[in-house]
Amino acid sequence: MVWISRPTSRDAKDILRLATRSSRRPLSKSELEIYYNLCAGRVYFQEDSRKLYFVDSPEVDITNIIEIVFSHFDTTPNIEQLYMDQPNYIKASFCIALNENEIASILVALRVSGIHIVSL
């Protein structure tokens, strides 16, 4: 039997296009369900808690975008690593709580970078 493999690497433009195509809202606002629906190029923003959930990839580095925006505020972002398990062995997504002044700047920077934002 011969296996034909497809290339697995995608460029950032292709990843961002795929992120907009299948953006389902999680059934609940639990962090684990949000993580399940995340992909590179898509973030979830919880309006009531002002938390932004995202994952990074080599092609789409959302952490870098956030750090650039925060550098203009002369602060460093407090990005939290979330885990899927209690002993914190299995990494899930990242989360950052934003204040009112940071929300607009971060969301605009993400949109300009082609990131798909889903509000919860």
PDB file of N, CA and C in Angstrom:
ATOM      1  N   MET A   1       0.851  -1.176   0.000  1.00  0.00           N
ATOM      2  CA  MET A   1       0.000   0.000   0.000  1.00  0.00           C
ATOM      3  C   MET A   1       0.893   1.236   0.000  1.00  0.00           C
ATOM      4  N   VAL A   2       0.578   2.187  -0.827  1.00  0.00           N
ATOM      5  CA  VAL A   2       1.347   3.417  -0.932  1.00  0.00           C
ATOM      6  C   VAL A   2       0.520   4.552  -0.348  1.00  0.00           C
ATOM      7  N   TRP A   3       1.127   5.293   0.557  1.00  0.00           N
ATOM      8  CA  TRP A   3       0.459   6.448   1.153  1.00  0.00           C
ATOM      9  C   TRP A   3       0.871   7.703   0.405  1.00  0.00           C
ATOM     10  N   ILE A   4      -0.088   8.461   0.011  1.00  0.00           N
ATOM     11  CA  ILE A   4       0.204   9.738  -0.631  1.00  0.00           C
ATOM     12  C   ILE A   4      -0.083  10.813   0.398  1.00  0.00           C
ATOM     13  N   SER A   5       0.937  11.541   0.739  1.00  0.00           N
ATOM     14  CA  SER A   5       0.753  12.565   1.772  1.00  0.00           C
ATOM     15  C   SER A   5       0.562  13.926   1.134  1.00  0.00           C
ATOM     16  N   ARG A   6      -0.304  14.699   1.731  1.00  0.00           N
ATOM     17  CA  ARG A   6      -0.504  16.075   1.313  1.00  0.00           C
ATOM     18  C   ARG A   6       0.375  16.959   2.179  1.00  0.00           C
ATOM     19  N   PRO A   7       0.868  18.026   1.636  1.00  0.00           N
ATOM     20  CA  PRO A   7       1.665  18.930   2.478  1.00  0.00           C
ATOM     21  C   PRO A   7       0.803  19.489   3.607  1.00  0.00           C
ATOM     22  N   THR A   8       1.362  19.524   4.791  1.00  0.00           N
ATOM     23  CA  THR A   8       0.600  19.991   5.939  1.00  0.00           C
ATOM     24  C   THR A   8       0.853  21.454   6.260  1.00  0.00           C
ATOM     25  N   SER A   9       1.873  22.020   5.694  1.00  0.00           N
ATOM     26  CA  SER A   9       2.161  23.418   5.996  1.00  0.00           C
ATOM     27  C   SER A   9       1.239  24.317   5.167  1.00  0.00           C
ATOM     28  N   ARG A  10       0.757  25.349   5.790  1.00  0.00           N
ATOM     29  CA  ARG A  10      -0.098  26.319   5.129  1.00  0.00           C
ATOM     30  C   ARG A  10       0.467  27.692   5.419  1.00  0.00           C
ATOM     31  N   ASP A  11       0.238  28.611   4.517  1.00  0.00           N
ATOM     32  CA  ASP A  11       0.693  29.958   4.791  1.00  0.00           C
ATOM     33  C   ASP A  11      -0.357  30.695   5.617  1.00  0.00           C
ATOM     34  N   ALA A  12       0.037  31.824   6.164  1.00  0.00           N
ATOM     35  CA  ALA A  12      -0.838  32.574   7.067  1.00  0.00           C
ATOM     36  C   ALA A  12      -2.130  32.994   6.374  1.00  0.00           C
ATOM     37  N   LYS A  13      -2.066  33.380   5.128  1.00  0.00           N
ATOM     38  CA  LYS A  13      -3.263  33.827   4.397  1.00  0.00           C
ATOM     39  C   LYS A  13      -4.291  32.694   4.302  1.00  0.00           C
ATOM     40  N   ASP A  14      -3.813  31.472   4.035  1.00  0.00           N
ATOM     41  CA  ASP A  14      -4.691  30.310   3.927  1.00  0.00           C
ATOM     42  C   ASP A  14      -5.314  29.982   5.283  1.00  0.00           C
ATOM     43  N   ILE A  15      -4.525  30.068   6.350  1.00  0.00           N
ATOM     44  CA  ILE A  15      -5.026  29.787   7.695  1.00  0.00           C
ATOM     45  C   ILE A  15      -6.095  30.801   8.091  1.00  0.00           C
ATOM     46  N   LEU A  16      -5.859  32.074   7.813  1.00  0.00           N
ATOM     47  CA  LEU A  16      -6.834  33.110   8.161  1.00  0.00           C
ATOM     48  C   LEU A  16      -8.132  32.933   7.368  1.00  0.00           C
ATOM     49  N   ARG A  17      -8.032  32.505   6.132  1.00  0.00           N
ATOM     50  CA  ARG A  17      -9.230  32.256   5.325  1.00  0.00           C
ATOM     51  C   ARG A  17     -10.034  31.100   5.914  1.00  0.00           C
ATOM     52  N   LEU A  18      -9.374  30.039   6.328  1.00  0.00           N
ATOM     53  CA  LEU A  18     -10.060  28.900   6.926  1.00  0.00           C
ATOM     54  C   LEU A  18     -10.707  29.259   8.261  1.00  0.00           C
ATOM     55  N   ALA A  19     -10.078  30.146   9.011  1.00  0.00           N
ATOM     56  CA  ALA A  19     -10.613  30.537  10.322  1.00  0.00           C
ATOM     57  C   ALA A  19     -11.958  31.241  10.191  1.00  0.00           C
ATOM     58  N   THR A  20     -12.163  31.985   9.122  1.00  0.00           N
ATOM     59  CA  THR A  20     -13.439  32.683   8.951  1.00  0.00           C
ATOM     60  C   THR A  20     -14.518  31.772   8.412  1.00  0.00           C
ATOM     61  N   ARG A  21     -14.134  30.686   7.778  1.00  0.00           N
ATOM     62  CA  ARG A  21     -15.098  29.818   7.127  1.00  0.00           C
ATOM     63  C   ARG A  21     -15.922  28.988   8.100  1.00  0.00           C
ATOM     64  N   SER A  22     -15.352  28.549   9.181  1.00  0.00           N
ATOM     65  CA  SER A  22     -16.076  27.663  10.097  1.00  0.00           C
ATOM     66  C   SER A  22     -16.012  28.204  11.521  1.00  0.00           C
ATOM     67  N   SER A  23     -16.674  29.305  11.751  1.00  0.00           N
ATOM     68  CA  SER A  23     -16.614  29.903  13.083  1.00  0.00           C
ATOM     69  C   SER A  23     -17.907  29.626  13.834  1.00  0.00           C
ATOM     70  N   ARG A  24     -17.903  28.557  14.567  1.00  0.00           N
ATOM     71  CA  ARG A  24     -19.061  28.204  15.383  1.00  0.00           C
ATOM     72  C   ARG A  24     -18.931  28.834  16.751  1.00  0.00           C
ATOM     73  N   ARG A  25     -20.047  29.228  17.285  1.00  0.00           N
ATOM     74  CA  ARG A  25     -20.045  29.722  18.651  1.00  0.00           C
ATOM     75  C   ARG A  25     -20.119  28.523  19.592  1.00  0.00           C
ATOM     76  N   PRO A  26     -19.334  28.552  20.648  1.00  0.00           N
ATOM     77  CA  PRO A  26     -19.448  27.478  21.643  1.00  0.00           C
ATOM     78  C   PRO A  26     -20.853  27.475  22.250  1.00  0.00           C
ATOM     79  N   LEU A  27     -21.331  26.307  22.629  1.00  0.00           N
ATOM     80  CA  LEU A  27     -22.661  26.211  23.231  1.00  0.00           C
ATOM     81  C   LEU A  27     -22.712  26.888  24.589  1.00  0.00           C
ATOM     82  N   SER A  28     -21.601  26.853  25.303  1.00  0.00           N
ATOM     83  CA  SER A  28     -21.519  27.549  26.589  1.00  0.00           C
ATOM     84  C   SER A  28     -20.261  28.400  26.580  1.00  0.00           C
ATOM     85  N   LYS A  29     -20.078  29.161  27.635  1.00  0.00           N
ATOM     86  CA  LYS A  29     -18.893  30.014  27.725  1.00  0.00           C
ATOM     87  C   LYS A  29     -17.790  29.372  28.557  1.00  0.00           C
ATOM     88  N   SER A  30     -17.832  28.060  28.696  1.00  0.00           N
ATOM     89  CA  SER A  30     -16.782  27.392  29.462  1.00  0.00           C
ATOM     90  C   SER A  30     -15.478  27.468  28.683  1.00  0.00           C
ATOM     91  N   GLU A  31     -14.380  27.619  29.406  1.00  0.00           N
ATOM     92  CA  GLU A  31     -13.077  27.764  28.761  1.00  0.00           C
ATOM     93  C   GLU A  31     -12.707  26.541  27.943  1.00  0.00           C
ATOM     94  N   LEU A  32     -13.108  25.365  28.403  1.00  0.00           N
ATOM     95  CA  LEU A  32     -12.776  24.154  27.673  1.00  0.00           C
ATOM     96  C   LEU A  32     -13.531  24.095  26.345  1.00  0.00           C
ATOM     97  N   GLU A  33     -14.791  24.494  26.331  1.00  0.00           N
ATOM     98  CA  GLU A  33     -15.550  24.497  25.083  1.00  0.00           C
ATOM     99  C   GLU A  33     -15.061  25.588  24.132  1.00  0.00           C
ATOM    100  N   ILE A  34     -14.666  26.718  24.681  1.00  0.00           N
ATOM    101  CA  ILE A  34     -14.079  27.767  23.844  1.00  0.00           C
ATOM    102  C   ILE A  34     -12.815  27.232  23.190  1.00  0.00           C
ATOM    103  N   TYR A  35     -11.963  26.571  23.960  1.00  0.00           N
ATOM    104  CA  TYR A  35     -10.732  26.007  23.410  1.00  0.00           C
ATOM    105  C   TYR A  35     -11.036  25.021  22.283  1.00  0.00           C
ATOM    106  N   TYR A  36     -12.043  24.201  22.474  1.00  0.00           N
ATOM    107  CA  TYR A  36     -12.402  23.192  21.480  1.00  0.00           C
ATOM    108  C   TYR A  36     -12.732  23.833  20.131  1.00  0.00           C
ATOM    109  N   ASN A  37     -13.305  25.035  20.139  1.00  0.00           N
ATOM    110  CA  ASN A  37     -13.711  25.718  18.915  1.00  0.00           C
ATOM    111  C   ASN A  37     -12.662  26.683  18.356  1.00  0.00           C
ATOM    112  N   LEU A  38     -11.568  26.890  19.082  1.00  0.00           N
ATOM    113  CA  LEU A  38     -10.526  27.796  18.604  1.00  0.00           C
ATOM    114  C   LEU A  38      -9.716  27.172  17.483  1.00  0.00           C
ATOM    115  N   CYS A  39      -9.114  28.026  16.689  1.00  0.00           N
ATOM    116  CA  CYS A  39      -8.133  27.592  15.695  1.00  0.00           C
ATOM    117  C   CYS A  39      -7.198  28.766  15.462  1.00  0.00           C
ATOM    118  N   ALA A  40      -6.108  28.503  14.795  1.00  0.00           N
ATOM    119  CA  ALA A  40      -5.189  29.588  14.451  1.00  0.00           C
ATOM    120  C   ALA A  40      -5.931  30.556  13.549  1.00  0.00           C
ATOM    121  N   GLY A  41      -5.841  31.832  13.860  1.00  0.00           N
ATOM    122  CA  GLY A  41      -6.515  32.827  13.044  1.00  0.00           C
ATOM    123  C   GLY A  41      -7.890  33.215  13.545  1.00  0.00           C
ATOM    124  N   ARG A  42      -8.362  32.596  14.625  1.00  0.00           N
ATOM    125  CA  ARG A  42      -9.663  32.928  15.208  1.00  0.00           C
ATOM    126  C   ARG A  42      -9.500  33.130  16.711  1.00  0.00           C
ATOM    127  N   VAL A  43     -10.111  34.171  17.232  1.00  0.00           N
ATOM    128  CA  VAL A  43     -10.121  34.419  18.673  1.00  0.00           C
ATOM    129  C   VAL A  43     -11.563  34.518  19.135  1.00  0.00           C
ATOM    130  N   TYR A  44     -11.772  34.271  20.409  1.00  0.00           N
ATOM    131  CA  TYR A  44     -13.078  34.465  21.028  1.00  0.00           C
ATOM    132  C   TYR A  44     -12.941  35.553  22.080  1.00  0.00           C
ATOM    133  N   PHE A  45     -13.854  36.513  22.036  1.00  0.00           N
ATOM    134  CA  PHE A  45     -13.854  37.601  23.005  1.00  0.00           C
ATOM    135  C   PHE A  45     -15.139  37.536  23.810  1.00  0.00           C
ATOM    136  N   GLN A  46     -14.995  37.308  25.116  1.00  0.00           N
ATOM    137  CA  GLN A  46     -16.140  37.277  26.037  1.00  0.00           C
ATOM    138  C   GLN A  46     -16.398  38.698  26.506  1.00  0.00           C
ATOM    139  N   GLU A  47     -17.487  39.272  26.042  1.00  0.00           N
ATOM    140  CA  GLU A  47     -17.760  40.675  26.332  1.00  0.00           C
ATOM    141  C   GLU A  47     -18.015  40.942  27.808  1.00  0.00           C
ATOM    142  N   ASP A  48     -18.731  40.052  28.495  1.00  0.00           N
ATOM    143  CA  ASP A  48     -19.054  40.310  29.898  1.00  0.00           C
ATOM    144  C   ASP A  48     -17.836  40.252  30.814  1.00  0.00           C
ATOM    145  N   SER A  49     -16.902  39.351  30.547  1.00  0.00           N
ATOM    146  CA  SER A  49     -15.695  39.250  31.377  1.00  0.00           C
ATOM    147  C   SER A  49     -14.509  39.996  30.768  1.00  0.00           C
ATOM    148  N   ARG A  50     -14.656  40.470  29.528  1.00  0.00           N
ATOM    149  CA  ARG A  50     -13.601  41.159  28.782  1.00  0.00           C
ATOM    150  C   ARG A  50     -12.354  40.285  28.617  1.00  0.00           C
ATOM    151  N   LYS A  51     -12.569  38.978  28.418  1.00  0.00           N
ATOM    152  CA  LYS A  51     -11.454  38.052  28.218  1.00  0.00           C
ATOM    153  C   LYS A  51     -11.355  37.669  26.756  1.00  0.00           C
ATOM    154  N   LEU A  52     -10.116  37.590  26.283  1.00  0.00           N
ATOM    155  CA  LEU A  52      -9.822  37.201  24.915  1.00  0.00           C
ATOM    156  C   LEU A  52      -9.131  35.845  24.950  1.00  0.00           C
ATOM    157  N   TYR A  53      -9.668  34.873  24.215  1.00  0.00           N
ATOM    158  CA  TYR A  53      -9.113  33.518  24.151  1.00  0.00           C
ATOM    159  C   TYR A  53      -8.525  33.296  22.763  1.00  0.00           C
ATOM    160  N   PHE A  54      -7.341  32.684  22.711  1.00  0.00           N
ATOM    161  CA  PHE A  54      -6.680  32.472  21.429  1.00  0.00           C
ATOM    162  C   PHE A  54      -5.642  31.365  21.533  1.00  0.00           C
ATOM    163  N   VAL A  55      -5.228  30.887  20.373  1.00  0.00           N
ATOM    164  CA  VAL A  55      -4.093  29.964  20.267  1.00  0.00           C
ATOM    165  C   VAL A  55      -3.119  30.573  19.271  1.00  0.00           C
ATOM    166  N   ASP A  56      -1.866  30.235  19.404  1.00  0.00           N
ATOM    167  CA  ASP A  56      -0.824  30.710  18.494  1.00  0.00           C
ATOM    168  C   ASP A  56      -0.412  29.592  17.548  1.00  0.00           C
ATOM    169  N   SER A  57       0.138  29.977  16.446  1.00  0.00           N
ATOM    170  CA  SER A  57       0.756  29.030  15.522  1.00  0.00           C
ATOM    171  C   SER A  57       1.979  29.721  14.935  1.00  0.00           C
ATOM    172  N   PRO A  58       2.876  28.973  14.336  1.00  0.00           N
ATOM    173  CA  PRO A  58       4.041  29.622  13.725  1.00  0.00           C
ATOM    174  C   PRO A  58       3.657  30.625  12.638  1.00  0.00           C
ATOM    175  N   GLU A  59       2.555  30.382  11.944  1.00  0.00           N
ATOM    176  CA  GLU A  59       2.143  31.263  10.868  1.00  0.00           C
ATOM    177  C   GLU A  59       1.336  32.460  11.362  1.00  0.00           C
ATOM    178  N   VAL A  60       0.575  32.274  12.422  1.00  0.00           N
ATOM    179  CA  VAL A  60      -0.292  33.333  12.954  1.00  0.00           C
ATOM    180  C   VAL A  60       0.003  33.478  14.447  1.00  0.00           C
ATOM    181  N   ASP A  61       0.863  34.435  14.783  1.00  0.00           N
ATOM    182  CA  ASP A  61       1.317  34.632  16.159  1.00  0.00           C
ATOM    183  C   ASP A  61       0.520  35.767  16.807  1.00  0.00           C
ATOM    184  N   ILE A  62      -0.582  35.411  17.429  1.00  0.00           N
ATOM    185  CA  ILE A  62      -1.470  36.397  18.043  1.00  0.00           C
ATOM    186  C   ILE A  62      -0.807  37.032  19.261  1.00  0.00           C
ATOM    187  N   THR A  63      -0.020  36.258  20.001  1.00  0.00           N
ATOM    188  CA  THR A  63       0.701  36.817  21.147  1.00  0.00           C
ATOM    189  C   THR A  63       1.567  37.990  20.717  1.00  0.00           C
ATOM    190  N   ASN A  64       2.230  37.860  19.599  1.00  0.00           N
ATOM    191  CA  ASN A  64       3.089  38.931  19.097  1.00  0.00           C
ATOM    192  C   ASN A  64       2.281  40.192  18.792  1.00  0.00           C
ATOM    193  N   ILE A  65       1.120  40.034  18.179  1.00  0.00           N
ATOM    194  CA  ILE A  65       0.259  41.187  17.887  1.00  0.00           C
ATOM    195  C   ILE A  65      -0.130  41.887  19.185  1.00  0.00           C
ATOM    196  N   ILE A  66      -0.524  41.116  20.193  1.00  0.00           N
ATOM    197  CA  ILE A  66      -0.914  41.684  21.487  1.00  0.00           C
ATOM    198  C   ILE A  66       0.264  42.399  22.132  1.00  0.00           C
ATOM    199  N   GLU A  67       1.440  41.788  22.087  1.00  0.00           N
ATOM    200  CA  GLU A  67       2.623  42.416  22.683  1.00  0.00           C
ATOM    201  C   GLU A  67       2.973  43.730  21.996  1.00  0.00           C
ATOM    202  N   ILE A  68       2.816  43.801  20.683  1.00  0.00           N
ATOM    203  CA  ILE A  68       3.092  45.043  19.963  1.00  0.00           C
ATOM    204  C   ILE A  68       2.136  46.137  20.403  1.00  0.00           C
ATOM    205  N   VAL A  69       0.850  45.815  20.520  1.00  0.00           N
ATOM    206  CA  VAL A  69      -0.137  46.819  20.963  1.00  0.00           C
ATOM    207  C   VAL A  69       0.176  47.274  22.381  1.00  0.00           C
ATOM    208  N   PHE A  70       0.488  46.341  23.269  1.00  0.00           N
ATOM    209  CA  PHE A  70       0.790  46.703  24.652  1.00  0.00           C
ATOM    210  C   PHE A  70       2.068  47.523  24.764  1.00  0.00           C
ATOM    211  N   SER A  71       2.996  47.342  23.840  1.00  0.00           N
ATOM    212  CA  SER A  71       4.220  48.137  23.888  1.00  0.00           C
ATOM    213  C   SER A  71       3.905  49.621  23.695  1.00  0.00           C
ATOM    214  N   HIS A  72       2.830  49.936  22.984  1.00  0.00           N
ATOM    215  CA  HIS A  72       2.418  51.329  22.808  1.00  0.00           C
ATOM    216  C   HIS A  72       1.767  51.884  24.076  1.00  0.00           C
ATOM    217  N   PHE A  73       1.300  50.991  24.965  1.00  0.00           N
ATOM    218  CA  PHE A  73       0.773  51.407  26.262  1.00  0.00           C
ATOM    219  C   PHE A  73       1.877  51.440  27.319  1.00  0.00           C
ATOM    220  N   ASP A  74       3.101  51.058  26.932  1.00  0.00           N
ATOM    221  CA  ASP A  74       4.238  50.943  27.846  1.00  0.00           C
ATOM    222  C   ASP A  74       3.970  49.977  28.987  1.00  0.00           C
ATOM    223  N   THR A  75       3.277  48.905  28.677  1.00  0.00           N
ATOM    224  CA  THR A  75       3.025  47.837  29.653  1.00  0.00           C
ATOM    225  C   THR A  75       3.253  46.491  28.975  1.00  0.00           C
ATOM    226  N   THR A  76       3.308  45.457  29.780  1.00  0.00           N
ATOM    227  CA  THR A  76       3.411  44.108  29.231  1.00  0.00           C
ATOM    228  C   THR A  76       2.088  43.388  29.471  1.00  0.00           C
ATOM    229  N   PRO A  77       1.633  42.623  28.496  1.00  0.00           N
ATOM    230  CA  PRO A  77       0.358  41.929  28.663  1.00  0.00           C
ATOM    231  C   PRO A  77       0.484  40.772  29.645  1.00  0.00           C
ATOM    232  N   ASN A  78      -0.580  40.527  30.381  1.00  0.00           N
ATOM    233  CA  ASN A  78      -0.623  39.411  31.319  1.00  0.00           C
ATOM    234  C   ASN A  78      -1.390  38.270  30.644  1.00  0.00           C
ATOM    235  N   ILE A  79      -0.689  37.543  29.789  1.00  0.00           N
ATOM    236  CA  ILE A  79      -1.303  36.439  29.042  1.00  0.00           C
ATOM    237  C   ILE A  79      -1.194  35.175  29.883  1.00  0.00           C
ATOM    238  N   GLU A  80      -2.340  34.552  30.104  1.00  0.00           N
ATOM    239  CA  GLU A  80      -2.408  33.362  30.953  1.00  0.00           C
ATOM    240  C   GLU A  80      -2.493  32.106  30.086  1.00  0.00           C
ATOM    241  N   GLN A  81      -1.677  31.112  30.402  1.00  0.00           N
ATOM    242  CA  GLN A  81      -1.751  29.808  29.731  1.00  0.00           C
ATOM    243  C   GLN A  81      -2.846  29.000  30.423  1.00  0.00           C
ATOM    244  N   LEU A  82      -3.808  28.509  29.665  1.00  0.00           N
ATOM    245  CA  LEU A  82      -4.862  27.658  30.205  1.00  0.00           C
ATOM    246  C   LEU A  82      -4.533  26.206  29.909  1.00  0.00           C
ATOM    247  N   TYR A  83      -5.031  25.312  30.765  1.00  0.00           N
ATOM    248  CA  TYR A  83      -4.747  23.889  30.637  1.00  0.00           C
ATOM    249  C   TYR A  83      -6.046  23.095  30.572  1.00  0.00           C
ATOM    250  N   MET A  84      -5.958  21.895  30.003  1.00  0.00           N
ATOM    251  CA  MET A  84      -7.120  21.033  29.868  1.00  0.00           C
ATOM    252  C   MET A  84      -7.288  20.111  31.065  1.00  0.00           C
ATOM    253  N   ASP A  85      -6.275  19.989  31.892  1.00  0.00           N
ATOM    254  CA  ASP A  85      -6.317  19.045  33.000  1.00  0.00           C
ATOM    255  C   ASP A  85      -5.918  19.731  34.304  1.00  0.00           C
ATOM    256  N   GLN A  86      -6.218  19.087  35.422  1.00  0.00           N
ATOM    257  CA  GLN A  86      -5.927  19.652  36.745  1.00  0.00           C
ATOM    258  C   GLN A  86      -4.429  19.743  37.055  1.00  0.00           C
ATOM    259  N   PRO A  87      -3.615  18.750  36.721  1.00  0.00           N
ATOM    260  CA  PRO A  87      -2.182  18.890  37.028  1.00  0.00           C
ATOM    261  C   PRO A  87      -1.436  19.837  36.085  1.00  0.00           C
ATOM    262  N   ASN A  88      -2.155  20.418  35.122  1.00  0.00           N
ATOM    263  CA  ASN A  88      -1.567  21.368  34.174  1.00  0.00           C
ATOM    264  C   ASN A  88      -0.474  20.755  33.302  1.00  0.00           C
ATOM    265  N   TYR A  89      -0.745  19.572  32.780  1.00  0.00           N
ATOM    266  CA  TYR A  89       0.180  18.928  31.853  1.00  0.00           C
ATOM    267  C   TYR A  89      -0.175  19.232  30.401  1.00  0.00           C
ATOM    268  N   ILE A  90      -1.480  19.314  30.110  1.00  0.00           N
ATOM    269  CA  ILE A  90      -1.934  19.462  28.728  1.00  0.00           C
ATOM    270  C   ILE A  90      -2.338  20.909  28.482  1.00  0.00           C
ATOM    271  N   LYS A  91      -1.517  21.607  27.710  1.00  0.00           N
ATOM    272  CA  LYS A  91      -1.784  23.017  27.434  1.00  0.00           C
ATOM    273  C   LYS A  91      -2.987  23.148  26.508  1.00  0.00           C
ATOM    274  N   ALA A  92      -3.793  24.164  26.775  1.00  0.00           N
ATOM    275  CA  ALA A  92      -4.959  24.428  25.935  1.00  0.00           C
ATOM    276  C   ALA A  92      -4.736  25.754  25.218  1.00  0.00           C
ATOM    277  N   SER A  93      -5.461  26.758  25.604  1.00  0.00           N
ATOM    278  CA  SER A  93      -5.374  28.046  24.911  1.00  0.00           C
ATOM    279  C   SER A  93      -4.729  29.092  25.812  1.00  0.00           C
ATOM    280  N   PHE A  94      -4.623  30.293  25.272  1.00  0.00           N
ATOM    281  CA  PHE A  94      -4.183  31.442  26.038  1.00  0.00           C
ATOM    282  C   PHE A  94      -5.397  32.319  26.326  1.00  0.00           C
ATOM    283  N   CYS A  95      -5.292  33.105  27.372  1.00  0.00           N
ATOM    284  CA  CYS A  95      -6.369  34.011  27.750  1.00  0.00           C
ATOM    285  C   CYS A  95      -5.744  35.296  28.288  1.00  0.00           C
ATOM    286  N   ILE A  96      -6.363  36.409  27.932  1.00  0.00           N
ATOM    287  CA  ILE A  96      -5.934  37.687  28.492  1.00  0.00           C
ATOM    288  C   ILE A  96      -7.175  38.482  28.842  1.00  0.00           C
ATOM    289  N   ALA A  97      -7.177  39.038  30.045  1.00  0.00           N
ATOM    290  CA  ALA A  97      -8.258  39.926  30.473  1.00  0.00           C
ATOM    291  C   ALA A  97      -7.863  41.347  30.082  1.00  0.00           C
ATOM    292  N   LEU A  98      -8.761  42.021  29.388  1.00  0.00           N
ATOM    293  CA  LEU A  98      -8.477  43.366  28.887  1.00  0.00           C
ATOM    294  C   LEU A  98      -9.297  44.397  29.646  1.00  0.00           C
ATOM    295  N   ASN A  99      -8.717  45.573  29.850  1.00  0.00           N
ATOM    296  CA  ASN A  99      -9.502  46.648  30.452  1.00  0.00           C
ATOM    297  C   ASN A  99     -10.164  47.452  29.335  1.00  0.00           C
ATOM    298  N   GLU A 100     -11.013  48.377  29.696  1.00  0.00           N
ATOM    299  CA  GLU A 100     -11.784  49.145  28.713  1.00  0.00           C
ATOM    300  C   GLU A 100     -10.891  49.879  27.715  1.00  0.00           C
ATOM    301  N   ASN A 101      -9.752  50.384  28.159  1.00  0.00           N
ATOM    302  CA  ASN A 101      -8.858  51.127  27.274  1.00  0.00           C
ATOM    303  C   ASN A 101      -8.141  50.225  26.269  1.00  0.00           C
ATOM    304  N   GLU A 102      -7.945  48.973  26.617  1.00  0.00           N
ATOM    305  CA  GLU A 102      -7.186  48.051  25.773  1.00  0.00           C
ATOM    306  C   GLU A 102      -8.057  47.340  24.736  1.00  0.00           C
ATOM    307  N   ILE A 103      -9.331  47.171  25.032  1.00  0.00           N
ATOM    308  CA  ILE A 103     -10.209  46.364  24.178  1.00  0.00           C
ATOM    309  C   ILE A 103     -10.206  46.846  22.737  1.00  0.00           C
ATOM    310  N   ALA A 104     -10.512  48.107  22.520  1.00  0.00           N
ATOM    311  CA  ALA A 104     -10.627  48.622  21.149  1.00  0.00           C
ATOM    312  C   ALA A 104      -9.314  48.475  20.398  1.00  0.00           C
ATOM    313  N   SER A 105      -8.199  48.827  21.033  1.00  0.00           N
ATOM    314  CA  SER A 105      -6.896  48.754  20.355  1.00  0.00           C
ATOM    315  C   SER A 105      -6.539  47.327  19.972  1.00  0.00           C
ATOM    316  N   ILE A 106      -6.754  46.389  20.878  1.00  0.00           N
ATOM    317  CA  ILE A 106      -6.418  44.987  20.607  1.00  0.00           C
ATOM    318  C   ILE A 106      -7.310  44.428  19.505  1.00  0.00           C
ATOM    319  N   LEU A 107      -8.618  44.667  19.596  1.00  0.00           N
ATOM    320  CA  LEU A 107      -9.538  44.116  18.598  1.00  0.00           C
ATOM    321  C   LEU A 107      -9.284  44.706  17.212  1.00  0.00           C
ATOM    322  N   VAL A 108      -8.986  45.991  17.139  1.00  0.00           N
ATOM    323  CA  VAL A 108      -8.673  46.603  15.840  1.00  0.00           C
ATOM    324  C   VAL A 108      -7.384  46.015  15.274  1.00  0.00           C
ATOM    325  N   ALA A 109      -6.365  45.873  16.103  1.00  0.00           N
ATOM    326  CA  ALA A 109      -5.089  45.312  15.634  1.00  0.00           C
ATOM    327  C   ALA A 109      -5.282  43.882  15.122  1.00  0.00           C
ATOM    328  N   LEU A 110      -6.108  43.110  15.803  1.00  0.00           N
ATOM    329  CA  LEU A 110      -6.363  41.742  15.359  1.00  0.00           C
ATOM    330  C   LEU A 110      -7.116  41.729  14.035  1.00  0.00           C
ATOM    331  N   ARG A 111      -8.142  42.571  13.912  1.00  0.00           N
ATOM    332  CA  ARG A 111      -8.909  42.635  12.657  1.00  0.00           C
ATOM    333  C   ARG A 111      -8.029  43.070  11.486  1.00  0.00           C
ATOM    334  N   VAL A 112      -7.204  44.080  11.720  1.00  0.00           N
ATOM    335  CA  VAL A 112      -6.309  44.567  10.658  1.00  0.00           C
ATOM    336  C   VAL A 112      -5.324  43.474  10.238  1.00  0.00           C
ATOM    337  N   SER A 113      -4.964  42.601  11.180  1.00  0.00           N
ATOM    338  CA  SER A 113      -4.039  41.499  10.888  1.00  0.00           C
ATOM    339  C   SER A 113      -4.748  40.321  10.237  1.00  0.00           C
ATOM    340  N   GLY A 114      -6.063  40.416  10.060  1.00  0.00           N
ATOM    341  CA  GLY A 114      -6.813  39.342   9.413  1.00  0.00           C
ATOM    342  C   GLY A 114      -7.355  38.292  10.349  1.00  0.00           C
ATOM    343  N   ILE A 115      -7.264  38.539  11.643  1.00  0.00           N
ATOM    344  CA  ILE A 115      -7.752  37.584  12.628  1.00  0.00           C
ATOM    345  C   ILE A 115      -9.278  37.686  12.711  1.00  0.00           C
ATOM    346  N   HIS A 116      -9.954  36.549  12.715  1.00  0.00           N
ATOM    347  CA  HIS A 116     -11.416  36.499  12.829  1.00  0.00           C
ATOM    348  C   HIS A 116     -11.789  36.536  14.306  1.00  0.00           C
ATOM    349  N   ILE A 117     -12.638  37.493  14.699  1.00  0.00           N
ATOM    350  CA  ILE A 117     -13.036  37.667  16.095  1.00  0.00           C
ATOM    351  C   ILE A 117     -14.494  37.247  16.259  1.00  0.00           C
ATOM    352  N   VAL A 118     -14.732  36.353  17.207  1.00  0.00           N
ATOM    353  CA  VAL A 118     -16.081  35.914  17.529  1.00  0.00           C
ATOM    354  C   VAL A 118     -16.398  36.438  18.923  1.00  0.00           C
ATOM    355  N   SER A 119     -17.465  37.234  19.031  1.00  0.00           N
ATOM    356  CA  SER A 119     -17.872  37.765  20.332  1.00  0.00           C
ATOM    357  C   SER A 119     -18.851  36.807  20.993  1.00  0.00           C
ATOM    358  N   LEU A 120     -18.669  36.619  22.288  1.00  0.00           N
ATOM    359  CA  LEU A 120     -19.559  35.746  23.074  1.00  0.00           C
ATOM    360  C   LEU A 120     -20.351  36.562  24.054  1.00  0.00           C
TER     361      LEU A 120
END
